[in-house]
Structures are given as C-alpha cells and as structure tokens.
Amino acid sequence: RALYRMNLAAGVDFMEFGYRADKKQFDVNKFGKWKFAE
C-alpha cells in the first residue's frame, strides 16, 4: 500500500504488481501472493 501511494505521489505512470503465475506449476505455500497477483 505504501509503495502504491509512493508511486502515485511520484507521478509514476505504471505500477507492476507481480506475476500472474500458474498455481498448478508453482506451490502457493512457497511464494507470497504477488507471485500470482490475483
């Protein structure tokens, strides 16, 4: 949330929230949610 607010205040044009990775290929218990960026 702080990074999102920072980017807004800094005038950044795009903020990337991670990967949309396939949960059948990657164990959701081994990664934080931004590996899947739902």
PDB file of all heavy atoms in Angstrom:
ATOM      1  N   ARG A   1       0.838  -1.208   0.000  1.00  0.00           N
ATOM      2  CA  ARG A   1       0.000   0.000   0.000  1.00  0.00           C
ATOM      3  C   ARG A   1       0.872   1.257   0.000  1.00  0.00           C
ATOM      4  O   ARG A   1       0.577   2.230  -0.704  1.00  0.00           O
ATOM      5  CB  ARG A   1      -0.924   0.013   1.212  1.00  0.00           C
ATOM      6  CG  ARG A   1      -2.063  -0.981   1.128  1.00  0.00           C
ATOM      7  CD  ARG A   1      -3.123  -0.741   2.195  1.00  0.00           C
ATOM      8  NE  ARG A   1      -4.170  -1.726   2.097  1.00  0.00           N
ATOM      9  CZ  ARG A   1      -4.196  -2.859   2.811  1.00  0.00           C
ATOM     10  NH1 ARG A   1      -3.222  -3.115   3.673  1.00  0.00           N
ATOM     11  NH2 ARG A   1      -5.179  -3.719   2.656  1.00  0.00           N
ATOM     12  N   ALA A   2       1.934   1.226   0.781  1.00  0.00           N
ATOM     13  CA  ALA A   2       2.831   2.383   0.833  1.00  0.00           C
ATOM     14  C   ALA A   2       3.547   2.575  -0.499  1.00  0.00           C
ATOM     15  O   ALA A   2       3.757   3.712  -0.945  1.00  0.00           O
ATOM     16  CB  ALA A   2       3.847   2.208   1.962  1.00  0.00           C
ATOM     17  N   LEU A   3       3.916   1.489  -1.152  1.00  0.00           N
ATOM     18  CA  LEU A   3       4.552   1.583  -2.463  1.00  0.00           C
ATOM     19  C   LEU A   3       3.581   2.151  -3.496  1.00  0.00           C
ATOM     20  O   LEU A   3       3.968   2.977  -4.335  1.00  0.00           O
ATOM     21  CB  LEU A   3       5.044   0.198  -2.897  1.00  0.00           C
ATOM     22  CG  LEU A   3       5.782   0.127  -4.242  1.00  0.00           C
ATOM     23  CD1 LEU A   3       7.078   0.938  -4.214  1.00  0.00           C
ATOM     24  CD2 LEU A   3       6.080  -1.334  -4.605  1.00  0.00           C
ATOM     25  N   TYR A   4       2.340   1.731  -3.422  1.00  0.00           N
ATOM     26  CA  TYR A   4       1.300   2.270  -4.320  1.00  0.00           C
ATOM     27  C   TYR A   4       1.138   3.777  -4.102  1.00  0.00           C
ATOM     28  O   TYR A   4       1.129   4.557  -5.064  1.00  0.00           O
ATOM     29  CB  TYR A   4      -0.007   1.529  -4.055  1.00  0.00           C
ATOM     30  CG  TYR A   4      -1.223   2.073  -4.776  1.00  0.00           C
ATOM     31  CD1 TYR A   4      -1.344   1.963  -6.158  1.00  0.00           C
ATOM     32  CD2 TYR A   4      -2.261   2.688  -4.069  1.00  0.00           C
ATOM     33  CE1 TYR A   4      -2.477   2.450  -6.820  1.00  0.00           C
ATOM     34  CE2 TYR A   4      -3.383   3.165  -4.711  1.00  0.00           C
ATOM     35  CZ  TYR A   4      -3.482   3.046  -6.087  1.00  0.00           C
ATOM     36  OH  TYR A   4      -4.592   3.540  -6.742  1.00  0.00           O
ATOM     37  N   ARG A   5       1.049   4.197  -2.846  1.00  0.00           N
ATOM     38  CA  ARG A   5       0.918   5.626  -2.558  1.00  0.00           C
ATOM     39  C   ARG A   5       2.164   6.387  -2.993  1.00  0.00           C
ATOM     40  O   ARG A   5       2.069   7.513  -3.509  1.00  0.00           O
ATOM     41  CB  ARG A   5       0.667   5.837  -1.064  1.00  0.00           C
ATOM     42  CG  ARG A   5      -0.679   5.339  -0.570  1.00  0.00           C
ATOM     43  CD  ARG A   5      -0.989   5.857   0.820  1.00  0.00           C
ATOM     44  NE  ARG A   5      -0.040   5.359   1.811  1.00  0.00           N
ATOM     45  CZ  ARG A   5      -0.233   4.263   2.534  1.00  0.00           C
ATOM     46  NH1 ARG A   5      -1.325   3.537   2.377  1.00  0.00           N
ATOM     47  NH2 ARG A   5       0.675   3.888   3.424  1.00  0.00           N
ATOM     48  N   MET A   6       3.326   5.780  -2.813  1.00  0.00           N
ATOM     49  CA  MET A   6       4.574   6.418  -3.250  1.00  0.00           C
ATOM     50  C   MET A   6       4.562   6.663  -4.751  1.00  0.00           C
ATOM     51  O   MET A   6       4.921   7.754  -5.222  1.00  0.00           O
ATOM     52  CB  MET A   6       5.768   5.518  -2.884  1.00  0.00           C
ATOM     53  CG  MET A   6       7.125   6.050  -3.332  1.00  0.00           C
ATOM     54  SD  MET A   6       8.284   4.733  -3.773  1.00  0.00           S
ATOM     55  CE  MET A   6       7.741   4.354  -5.466  1.00  0.00           C
ATOM     56  N   ASN A   7       4.171   5.646  -5.506  1.00  0.00           N
ATOM     57  CA  ASN A   7       4.159   5.784  -6.960  1.00  0.00           C
ATOM     58  C   ASN A   7       3.168   6.850  -7.422  1.00  0.00           C
ATOM     59  O   ASN A   7       3.456   7.611  -8.358  1.00  0.00           O
ATOM     60  CB  ASN A   7       3.846   4.438  -7.618  1.00  0.00           C
ATOM     61  CG  ASN A   7       5.056   3.532  -7.707  1.00  0.00           C
ATOM     62  OD1 ASN A   7       6.127   3.961  -8.125  1.00  0.00           O
ATOM     63  ND2 ASN A   7       4.903   2.280  -7.321  1.00  0.00           N
ATOM     64  N   LEU A   8       2.024   6.903  -6.771  1.00  0.00           N
ATOM     65  CA  LEU A   8       1.054   7.949  -7.106  1.00  0.00           C
ATOM     66  C   LEU A   8       1.655   9.331  -6.860  1.00  0.00           C
ATOM     67  O   LEU A   8       1.569  10.228  -7.707  1.00  0.00           O
ATOM     68  CB  LEU A   8      -0.215   7.778  -6.276  1.00  0.00           C
ATOM     69  CG  LEU A   8      -1.132   6.602  -6.619  1.00  0.00           C
ATOM     70  CD1 LEU A   8      -2.263   6.514  -5.609  1.00  0.00           C
ATOM     71  CD2 LEU A   8      -1.680   6.731  -8.041  1.00  0.00           C
ATOM     72  N   ALA A   9       2.265   9.506  -5.708  1.00  0.00           N
ATOM     73  CA  ALA A   9       2.831  10.811  -5.351  1.00  0.00           C
ATOM     74  C   ALA A   9       4.016  11.175  -6.232  1.00  0.00           C
ATOM     75  O   ALA A   9       4.264  12.359  -6.498  1.00  0.00           O
ATOM     76  CB  ALA A   9       3.249  10.809  -3.883  1.00  0.00           C
ATOM     77  N   ALA A  10       4.763  10.163  -6.699  1.00  0.00           N
ATOM     78  CA  ALA A  10       5.948  10.414  -7.512  1.00  0.00           C
ATOM     79  C   ALA A  10       5.619  10.644  -8.980  1.00  0.00           C
ATOM     80  O   ALA A  10       6.503  11.012  -9.756  1.00  0.00           O
ATOM     81  CB  ALA A  10       6.923   9.247  -7.380  1.00  0.00           C
ATOM     82  N   GLY A  11       4.362  10.418  -9.382  1.00  0.00           N
ATOM     83  CA  GLY A  11       3.972  10.636 -10.765  1.00  0.00           C
ATOM     84  C   GLY A  11       4.274   9.480 -11.690  1.00  0.00           C
ATOM     85  O   GLY A  11       4.250   9.630 -12.922  1.00  0.00           O
ATOM     86  N   VAL A  12       4.554   8.305 -11.128  1.00  0.00           N
ATOM     87  CA  VAL A  12       4.865   7.121 -11.935  1.00  0.00           C
ATOM     88  C   VAL A  12       3.645   6.742 -12.773  1.00  0.00           C
ATOM     89  O   VAL A  12       2.503   6.856 -12.327  1.00  0.00           O
ATOM     90  CB  VAL A  12       5.314   5.965 -11.012  1.00  0.00           C
ATOM     91  CG1 VAL A  12       5.369   4.642 -11.760  1.00  0.00           C
ATOM     92  CG2 VAL A  12       6.673   6.291 -10.396  1.00  0.00           C
ATOM     93  N   ASP A  13       3.899   6.276 -13.990  1.00  0.00           N
ATOM     94  CA  ASP A  13       2.809   6.013 -14.939  1.00  0.00           C
ATOM     95  C   ASP A  13       2.204   4.623 -14.809  1.00  0.00           C
ATOM     96  O   ASP A  13       1.011   4.434 -15.043  1.00  0.00           O
ATOM     97  CB  ASP A  13       3.336   6.196 -16.368  1.00  0.00           C
ATOM     98  CG  ASP A  13       3.891   7.588 -16.601  1.00  0.00           C
ATOM     99  OD1 ASP A  13       3.082   8.530 -16.719  1.00  0.00           O
ATOM    100  OD2 ASP A  13       5.133   7.742 -16.635  1.00  0.00           O
ATOM    101  N   PHE A  14       3.038   3.631 -14.464  1.00  0.00           N
ATOM    102  CA  PHE A  14       2.578   2.253 -14.316  1.00  0.00           C
ATOM    103  C   PHE A  14       3.208   1.658 -13.059  1.00  0.00           C
ATOM    104  O   PHE A  14       4.387   1.869 -12.796  1.00  0.00           O
ATOM    105  CB  PHE A  14       3.007   1.379 -15.505  1.00  0.00           C
ATOM    106  CG  PHE A  14       2.378   1.741 -16.823  1.00  0.00           C
ATOM    107  CD1 PHE A  14       2.965   2.695 -17.638  1.00  0.00           C
ATOM    108  CD2 PHE A  14       1.222   1.109 -17.258  1.00  0.00           C
ATOM    109  CE1 PHE A  14       2.404   3.025 -18.864  1.00  0.00           C
ATOM    110  CE2 PHE A  14       0.652   1.429 -18.481  1.00  0.00           C
ATOM    111  CZ  PHE A  14       1.241   2.395 -19.285  1.00  0.00           C
ATOM    112  N   MET A  15       2.413   0.887 -12.306  1.00  0.00           N
ATOM    113  CA  MET A  15       2.961   0.110 -11.197  1.00  0.00           C
ATOM    114  C   MET A  15       2.669  -1.356 -11.449  1.00  0.00           C
ATOM    115  O   MET A  15       1.515  -1.748 -11.655  1.00  0.00           O
ATOM    116  CB  MET A  15       2.346   0.537  -9.863  1.00  0.00           C
ATOM    117  CG  MET A  15       2.845  -0.308  -8.697  1.00  0.00           C
ATOM    118  SD  MET A  15       2.208   0.278  -7.100  1.00  0.00           S
ATOM    119  CE  MET A  15       2.680  -1.109  -6.039  1.00  0.00           C
ATOM    120  N   GLU A  16       3.738  -2.156 -11.436  1.00  0.00           N
ATOM    121  CA  GLU A  16       3.593  -3.590 -11.693  1.00  0.00           C
ATOM    122  C   GLU A  16       3.435  -4.342 -10.377  1.00  0.00           C
ATOM    123  O   GLU A  16       4.244  -4.177  -9.460  1.00  0.00           O
ATOM    124  CB  GLU A  16       4.809  -4.104 -12.463  1.00  0.00           C
ATOM    125  CG  GLU A  16       4.632  -5.506 -13.000  1.00  0.00           C
ATOM    126  CD  GLU A  16       5.526  -5.752 -14.188  1.00  0.00           C
ATOM    127  OE1 GLU A  16       6.766  -5.830 -14.001  1.00  0.00           O
ATOM    128  OE2 GLU A  16       5.009  -5.857 -15.310  1.00  0.00           O
ATOM    129  N   PHE A  17       2.395  -5.189 -10.318  1.00  0.00           N
ATOM    130  CA  PHE A  17       2.043  -5.859  -9.080  1.00  0.00           C
ATOM    131  C   PHE A  17       2.544  -7.298  -8.991  1.00  0.00           C
ATOM    132  O   PHE A  17       2.173  -8.013  -8.069  1.00  0.00           O
ATOM    133  CB  PHE A  17       0.525  -5.821  -8.877  1.00  0.00           C
ATOM    134  CG  PHE A  17       0.074  -4.601  -8.120  1.00  0.00           C
ATOM    135  CD1 PHE A  17       0.036  -3.357  -8.736  1.00  0.00           C
ATOM    136  CD2 PHE A  17      -0.278  -4.686  -6.789  1.00  0.00           C
ATOM    137  CE1 PHE A  17      -0.357  -2.223  -8.037  1.00  0.00           C
ATOM    138  CE2 PHE A  17      -0.673  -3.562  -6.081  1.00  0.00           C
ATOM    139  CZ  PHE A  17      -0.710  -2.326  -6.703  1.00  0.00           C
ATOM    140  N   GLY A  18       3.379  -7.729  -9.896  1.00  0.00           N
ATOM    141  CA  GLY A  18       3.932  -9.074  -9.805  1.00  0.00           C
ATOM    142  C   GLY A  18       3.655  -9.878 -11.050  1.00  0.00           C
ATOM    143  O   GLY A  18       3.430  -9.334 -12.145  1.00  0.00           O
ATOM    144  N   TYR A  19       3.692 -11.190 -10.889  1.00  0.00           N
ATOM    145  CA  TYR A  19       3.417 -12.145 -11.975  1.00  0.00           C
ATOM    146  C   TYR A  19       2.016 -12.715 -11.837  1.00  0.00           C
ATOM    147  O   TYR A  19       1.489 -12.830 -10.727  1.00  0.00           O
ATOM    148  CB  TYR A  19       4.394 -13.313 -11.923  1.00  0.00           C
ATOM    149  CG  TYR A  19       5.803 -13.021 -12.349  1.00  0.00           C
ATOM    150  CD1 TYR A  19       6.786 -12.751 -11.405  1.00  0.00           C
ATOM    151  CD2 TYR A  19       6.175 -13.051 -13.691  1.00  0.00           C
ATOM    152  CE1 TYR A  19       8.104 -12.515 -11.784  1.00  0.00           C
ATOM    153  CE2 TYR A  19       7.483 -12.812 -14.081  1.00  0.00           C
ATOM    154  CZ  TYR A  19       8.437 -12.545 -13.129  1.00  0.00           C
ATOM    155  OH  TYR A  19       9.735 -12.306 -13.501  1.00  0.00           O
ATOM    156  N   ARG A  20       1.426 -13.113 -12.925  1.00  0.00           N
ATOM    157  CA  ARG A  20       0.211 -13.930 -12.907  1.00  0.00           C
ATOM    158  C   ARG A  20       0.659 -15.368 -13.195  1.00  0.00           C
ATOM    159  O   ARG A  20       0.456 -15.890 -14.290  1.00  0.00           O
ATOM    160  CB  ARG A  20      -0.793 -13.404 -13.939  1.00  0.00           C
ATOM    161  CG  ARG A  20      -2.163 -14.120 -13.952  1.00  0.00           C
ATOM    162  CD  ARG A  20      -2.956 -13.919 -12.681  1.00  0.00           C
ATOM    163  NE  ARG A  20      -3.208 -12.521 -12.336  1.00  0.00           N
ATOM    164  CZ  ARG A  20      -4.242 -11.796 -12.798  1.00  0.00           C
ATOM    165  NH1 ARG A  20      -5.098 -12.342 -13.653  1.00  0.00           N
ATOM    166  NH2 ARG A  20      -4.394 -10.545 -12.393  1.00  0.00           N
ATOM    167  N   ALA A  21       1.300 -15.993 -12.211  1.00  0.00           N
ATOM    168  CA  ALA A  21       1.859 -17.328 -12.391  1.00  0.00           C
ATOM    169  C   ALA A  21       0.780 -18.393 -12.218  1.00  0.00           C
ATOM    170  O   ALA A  21      -0.223 -18.196 -11.526  1.00  0.00           O
ATOM    171  CB  ALA A  21       2.999 -17.563 -11.403  1.00  0.00           C
ATOM    172  N   ASP A  22       1.019 -19.526 -12.844  1.00  0.00           N
ATOM    173  CA  ASP A  22       0.094 -20.651 -12.834  1.00  0.00           C
ATOM    174  C   ASP A  22       0.228 -21.414 -11.515  1.00  0.00           C
ATOM    175  O   ASP A  22       1.293 -21.939 -11.195  1.00  0.00           O
ATOM    176  CB  ASP A  22       0.415 -21.574 -14.014  1.00  0.00           C
ATOM    177  CG  ASP A  22      -0.589 -22.713 -14.159  1.00  0.00           C
ATOM    178  OD1 ASP A  22      -1.499 -22.841 -13.318  1.00  0.00           O
ATOM    179  OD2 ASP A  22      -0.446 -23.489 -15.133  1.00  0.00           O
ATOM    180  N   LYS A  23      -0.840 -21.491 -10.746  1.00  0.00           N
ATOM    181  CA  LYS A  23      -0.795 -22.169  -9.453  1.00  0.00           C
ATOM    182  C   LYS A  23      -0.658 -23.675  -9.580  1.00  0.00           C
ATOM    183  O   LYS A  23      -0.340 -24.356  -8.598  1.00  0.00           O
ATOM    184  CB  LYS A  23      -2.038 -21.812  -8.630  1.00  0.00           C
ATOM    185  CG  LYS A  23      -2.055 -20.364  -8.169  1.00  0.00           C
ATOM    186  CD  LYS A  23      -3.216 -20.096  -7.238  1.00  0.00           C
ATOM    187  CE  LYS A  23      -3.148 -18.662  -6.692  1.00  0.00           C
ATOM    188  NZ  LYS A  23      -4.258 -18.387  -5.767  1.00  0.00           N
ATOM    189  N   LYS A  24      -0.857 -24.204 -10.763  1.00  0.00           N
ATOM    190  CA  LYS A  24      -0.629 -25.639 -10.970  1.00  0.00           C
ATOM    191  C   LYS A  24       0.865 -25.919 -11.151  1.00  0.00           C
ATOM    192  O   LYS A  24       1.311 -27.047 -10.980  1.00  0.00           O
ATOM    193  CB  LYS A  24      -1.427 -26.130 -12.178  1.00  0.00           C
ATOM    194  CG  LYS A  24      -2.931 -26.107 -11.977  1.00  0.00           C
ATOM    195  CD  LYS A  24      -3.680 -26.799 -13.091  1.00  0.00           C
ATOM    196  CE  LYS A  24      -3.681 -25.990 -14.380  1.00  0.00           C
ATOM    197  NZ  LYS A  24      -4.475 -24.768 -14.273  1.00  0.00           N
ATOM    198  N   GLN A  25       1.634 -24.883 -11.492  1.00  0.00           N
ATOM    199  CA  GLN A  25       3.068 -25.056 -11.678  1.00  0.00           C
ATOM    200  C   GLN A  25       3.883 -24.605 -10.464  1.00  0.00           C
ATOM    201  O   GLN A  25       5.000 -25.097 -10.250  1.00  0.00           O
ATOM    202  CB  GLN A  25       3.542 -24.256 -12.894  1.00  0.00           C
ATOM    203  CG  GLN A  25       2.985 -24.725 -14.222  1.00  0.00           C
ATOM    204  CD  GLN A  25       3.617 -23.978 -15.386  1.00  0.00           C
ATOM    205  OE1 GLN A  25       4.831 -23.844 -15.464  1.00  0.00           O
ATOM    206  NE2 GLN A  25       2.782 -23.486 -16.281  1.00  0.00           N
ATOM    207  N   PHE A  26       3.343 -23.660  -9.691  1.00  0.00           N
ATOM    208  CA  PHE A  26       4.090 -23.089  -8.570  1.00  0.00           C
ATOM    209  C   PHE A  26       3.312 -23.299  -7.272  1.00  0.00           C
ATOM    210  O   PHE A  26       2.116 -23.027  -7.207  1.00  0.00           O
ATOM    211  CB  PHE A  26       4.335 -21.600  -8.797  1.00  0.00           C
ATOM    212  CG  PHE A  26       5.184 -21.309 -10.016  1.00  0.00           C
ATOM    213  CD1 PHE A  26       4.596 -21.036 -11.236  1.00  0.00           C
ATOM    214  CD2 PHE A  26       6.567 -21.330  -9.921  1.00  0.00           C
ATOM    215  CE1 PHE A  26       5.373 -20.776 -12.359  1.00  0.00           C
ATOM    216  CE2 PHE A  26       7.352 -21.074 -11.026  1.00  0.00           C
ATOM    217  CZ  PHE A  26       6.754 -20.797 -12.256  1.00  0.00           C
ATOM    218  N   ASP A  27       4.017 -23.780  -6.255  1.00  0.00           N
ATOM    219  CA  ASP A  27       3.414 -24.070  -4.959  1.00  0.00           C
ATOM    220  C   ASP A  27       3.075 -22.757  -4.238  1.00  0.00           C
ATOM    221  O   ASP A  27       3.974 -21.972  -3.912  1.00  0.00           O
ATOM    222  CB  ASP A  27       4.400 -24.895  -4.130  1.00  0.00           C
ATOM    223  CG  ASP A  27       3.811 -25.386  -2.813  1.00  0.00           C
ATOM    224  OD1 ASP A  27       2.756 -24.869  -2.397  1.00  0.00           O
ATOM    225  OD2 ASP A  27       4.424 -26.276  -2.192  1.00  0.00           O
ATOM    226  N   VAL A  28       1.804 -22.540  -3.987  1.00  0.00           N
ATOM    227  CA  VAL A  28       1.374 -21.289  -3.360  1.00  0.00           C
ATOM    228  C   VAL A  28       1.916 -21.158  -1.942  1.00  0.00           C
ATOM    229  O   VAL A  28       1.961 -20.051  -1.390  1.00  0.00           O
ATOM    230  CB  VAL A  28      -0.167 -21.166  -3.347  1.00  0.00           C
ATOM    231  CG1 VAL A  28      -0.698 -21.109  -4.766  1.00  0.00           C
ATOM    232  CG2 VAL A  28      -0.800 -22.316  -2.576  1.00  0.00           C
ATOM    233  N   ASN A  29       2.342 -22.265  -1.339  1.00  0.00           N
ATOM    234  CA  ASN A  29       2.879 -22.217   0.015  1.00  0.00           C
ATOM    235  C   ASN A  29       4.342 -21.791   0.050  1.00  0.00           C
ATOM    236  O   ASN A  29       4.901 -21.570   1.131  1.00  0.00           O
ATOM    237  CB  ASN A  29       2.738 -23.589   0.680  1.00  0.00           C
ATOM    238  CG  ASN A  29       1.286 -24.003   0.852  1.00  0.00           C
ATOM    239  OD1 ASN A  29       0.469 -23.225   1.336  1.00  0.00           O
ATOM    240  ND2 ASN A  29       0.959 -25.214   0.436  1.00  0.00           N
ATOM    241  N   LYS A  30       4.969 -21.677  -1.117  1.00  0.00           N
ATOM    242  CA  LYS A  30       6.383 -21.313  -1.185  1.00  0.00           C
ATOM    243  C   LYS A  30       6.608 -19.890  -1.679  1.00  0.00           C
ATOM    244  O   LYS A  30       7.756 -19.452  -1.787  1.00  0.00           O
ATOM    245  CB  LYS A  30       7.123 -22.296  -2.097  1.00  0.00           C
ATOM    246  CG  LYS A  30       7.179 -23.712  -1.554  1.00  0.00           C
ATOM    247  CD  LYS A  30       7.963 -24.640  -2.469  1.00  0.00           C
ATOM    248  CE  LYS A  30       8.051 -26.049  -1.885  1.00  0.00           C
ATOM    249  NZ  LYS A  30       8.800 -26.971  -2.768  1.00  0.00           N
ATOM    250  N   PHE A  31       5.528 -19.186  -1.987  1.00  0.00           N
ATOM    251  CA  PHE A  31       5.641 -17.831  -2.520  1.00  0.00           C
ATOM    252  C   PHE A  31       4.592 -16.929  -1.893  1.00  0.00           C
ATOM    253  O   PHE A  31       3.501 -17.379  -1.511  1.00  0.00           O
ATOM    254  CB  PHE A  31       5.451 -17.819  -4.044  1.00  0.00           C
ATOM    255  CG  PHE A  31       6.464 -18.619  -4.797  1.00  0.00           C
ATOM    256  CD1 PHE A  31       6.205 -19.924  -5.188  1.00  0.00           C
ATOM    257  CD2 PHE A  31       7.700 -18.066  -5.132  1.00  0.00           C
ATOM    258  CE1 PHE A  31       7.139 -20.662  -5.891  1.00  0.00           C
ATOM    259  CE2 PHE A  31       8.647 -18.791  -5.840  1.00  0.00           C
ATOM    260  CZ  PHE A  31       8.369 -20.097  -6.211  1.00  0.00           C
ATOM    261  N   GLY A  32       4.919 -15.641  -1.830  1.00  0.00           N
ATOM    262  CA  GLY A  32       3.932 -14.648  -1.448  1.00  0.00           C
ATOM    263  C   GLY A  32       2.921 -14.449  -2.570  1.00  0.00           C
ATOM    264  O   GLY A  32       3.109 -14.899  -3.708  1.00  0.00           O
ATOM    265  N   LYS A  33       1.841 -13.743  -2.254  1.00  0.00           N
ATOM    266  CA  LYS A  33       0.717 -13.668  -3.198  1.00  0.00           C
ATOM    267  C   LYS A  33       1.031 -12.896  -4.465  1.00  0.00           C
ATOM    268  O   LYS A  33       0.341 -13.057  -5.475  1.00  0.00           O
ATOM    269  CB  LYS A  33      -0.514 -13.079  -2.513  1.00  0.00           C
ATOM    270  CG  LYS A  33      -0.328 -11.694  -1.924  1.00  0.00           C
ATOM    271  CD  LYS A  33      -1.575 -11.335  -1.108  1.00  0.00           C
ATOM    272  CE  LYS A  33      -1.394 -10.067  -0.328  1.00  0.00           C
ATOM    273  NZ  LYS A  33      -2.567  -9.773   0.538  1.00  0.00           N
ATOM    274  N   TRP A  34       2.110 -12.077  -4.461  1.00  0.00           N
ATOM    275  CA  TRP A  34       2.386 -11.291  -5.667  1.00  0.00           C
ATOM    276  C   TRP A  34       3.082 -12.105  -6.746  1.00  0.00           C
ATOM    277  O   TRP A  34       3.280 -11.617  -7.851  1.00  0.00           O
ATOM    278  CB  TRP A  34       3.152 -10.023  -5.305  1.00  0.00           C
ATOM    279  CG  TRP A  34       2.397  -9.271  -4.257  1.00  0.00           C
ATOM    280  CD1 TRP A  34       2.741  -9.077  -2.961  1.00  0.00           C
ATOM    281  CD2 TRP A  34       1.095  -8.681  -4.412  1.00  0.00           C
ATOM    282  NE1 TRP A  34       1.755  -8.400  -2.299  1.00  0.00           N
ATOM    283  CE2 TRP A  34       0.727  -8.142  -3.162  1.00  0.00           C
ATOM    284  CE3 TRP A  34       0.209  -8.563  -5.488  1.00  0.00           C
ATOM    285  CZ2 TRP A  34      -0.485  -7.479  -2.968  1.00  0.00           C
ATOM    286  CZ3 TRP A  34      -0.998  -7.909  -5.295  1.00  0.00           C
ATOM    287  CH2 TRP A  34      -1.337  -7.381  -4.041  1.00  0.00           C
ATOM    288  N   LYS A  35       3.405 -13.363  -6.433  1.00  0.00           N
ATOM    289  CA  LYS A  35       3.830 -14.293  -7.481  1.00  0.00           C
ATOM    290  C   LYS A  35       2.650 -14.601  -8.402  1.00  0.00           C
ATOM    291  O   LYS A  35       2.825 -14.924  -9.575  1.00  0.00           O
ATOM    292  CB  LYS A  35       4.335 -15.593  -6.841  1.00  0.00           C
ATOM    293  CG  LYS A  35       4.689 -16.716  -7.805  1.00  0.00           C
ATOM    294  CD  LYS A  35       6.008 -16.495  -8.482  1.00  0.00           C
ATOM    295  CE  LYS A  35       6.440 -17.730  -9.275  1.00  0.00           C
ATOM    296  NZ  LYS A  35       7.732 -17.508  -9.966  1.00  0.00           N
ATOM    297  N   PHE A  36       1.450 -14.451  -7.863  1.00  0.00           N
ATOM    298  CA  PHE A  36       0.233 -14.814  -8.593  1.00  0.00           C
ATOM    299  C   PHE A  36      -0.641 -13.598  -8.908  1.00  0.00           C
ATOM    300  O   PHE A  36      -1.506 -13.677  -9.766  1.00  0.00           O
ATOM    301  CB  PHE A  36      -0.552 -15.859  -7.792  1.00  0.00           C
ATOM    302  CG  PHE A  36       0.320 -17.011  -7.353  1.00  0.00           C
ATOM    303  CD1 PHE A  36       0.846 -17.064  -6.064  1.00  0.00           C
ATOM    304  CD2 PHE A  36       0.661 -18.015  -8.240  1.00  0.00           C
ATOM    305  CE1 PHE A  36       1.667 -18.103  -5.663  1.00  0.00           C
ATOM    306  CE2 PHE A  36       1.492 -19.059  -7.854  1.00  0.00           C
ATOM    307  CZ  PHE A  36       2.006 -19.098  -6.568  1.00  0.00           C
ATOM    308  N   ALA A  37      -0.419 -12.512  -8.209  1.00  0.00           N
ATOM    309  CA  ALA A  37      -1.042 -11.210  -8.484  1.00  0.00           C
ATOM    310  C   ALA A  37      -2.490 -11.331  -8.960  1.00  0.00           C
ATOM    311  O   ALA A  37      -2.844 -10.900 -10.058  1.00  0.00           O
ATOM    312  CB  ALA A  37      -0.205 -10.451  -9.521  1.00  0.00           C
ATOM    313  N   GLU A  38      -3.315 -11.893  -8.111  1.00  0.00           N
ATOM    314  CA  GLU A  38      -4.719 -12.075  -8.480  1.00  0.00           C
ATOM    315  C   GLU A  38      -5.473 -10.753  -8.399  1.00  0.00           C
ATOM    316  O   GLU A  38      -5.130  -9.865  -7.614  1.00  0.00           O
ATOM    317  CB  GLU A  38      -5.368 -13.123  -7.571  1.00  0.00           C
ATOM    318  CG  GLU A  38      -4.779 -14.519  -7.773  1.00  0.00           C
ATOM    319  CD  GLU A  38      -5.520 -15.567  -6.982  1.00  0.00           C
ATOM    320  OE1 GLU A  38      -6.060 -15.226  -5.894  1.00  0.00           O
ATOM    321  OE2 GLU A  38      -5.569 -16.720  -7.432  1.00  0.00           O
TER     322      GLU A  38
END
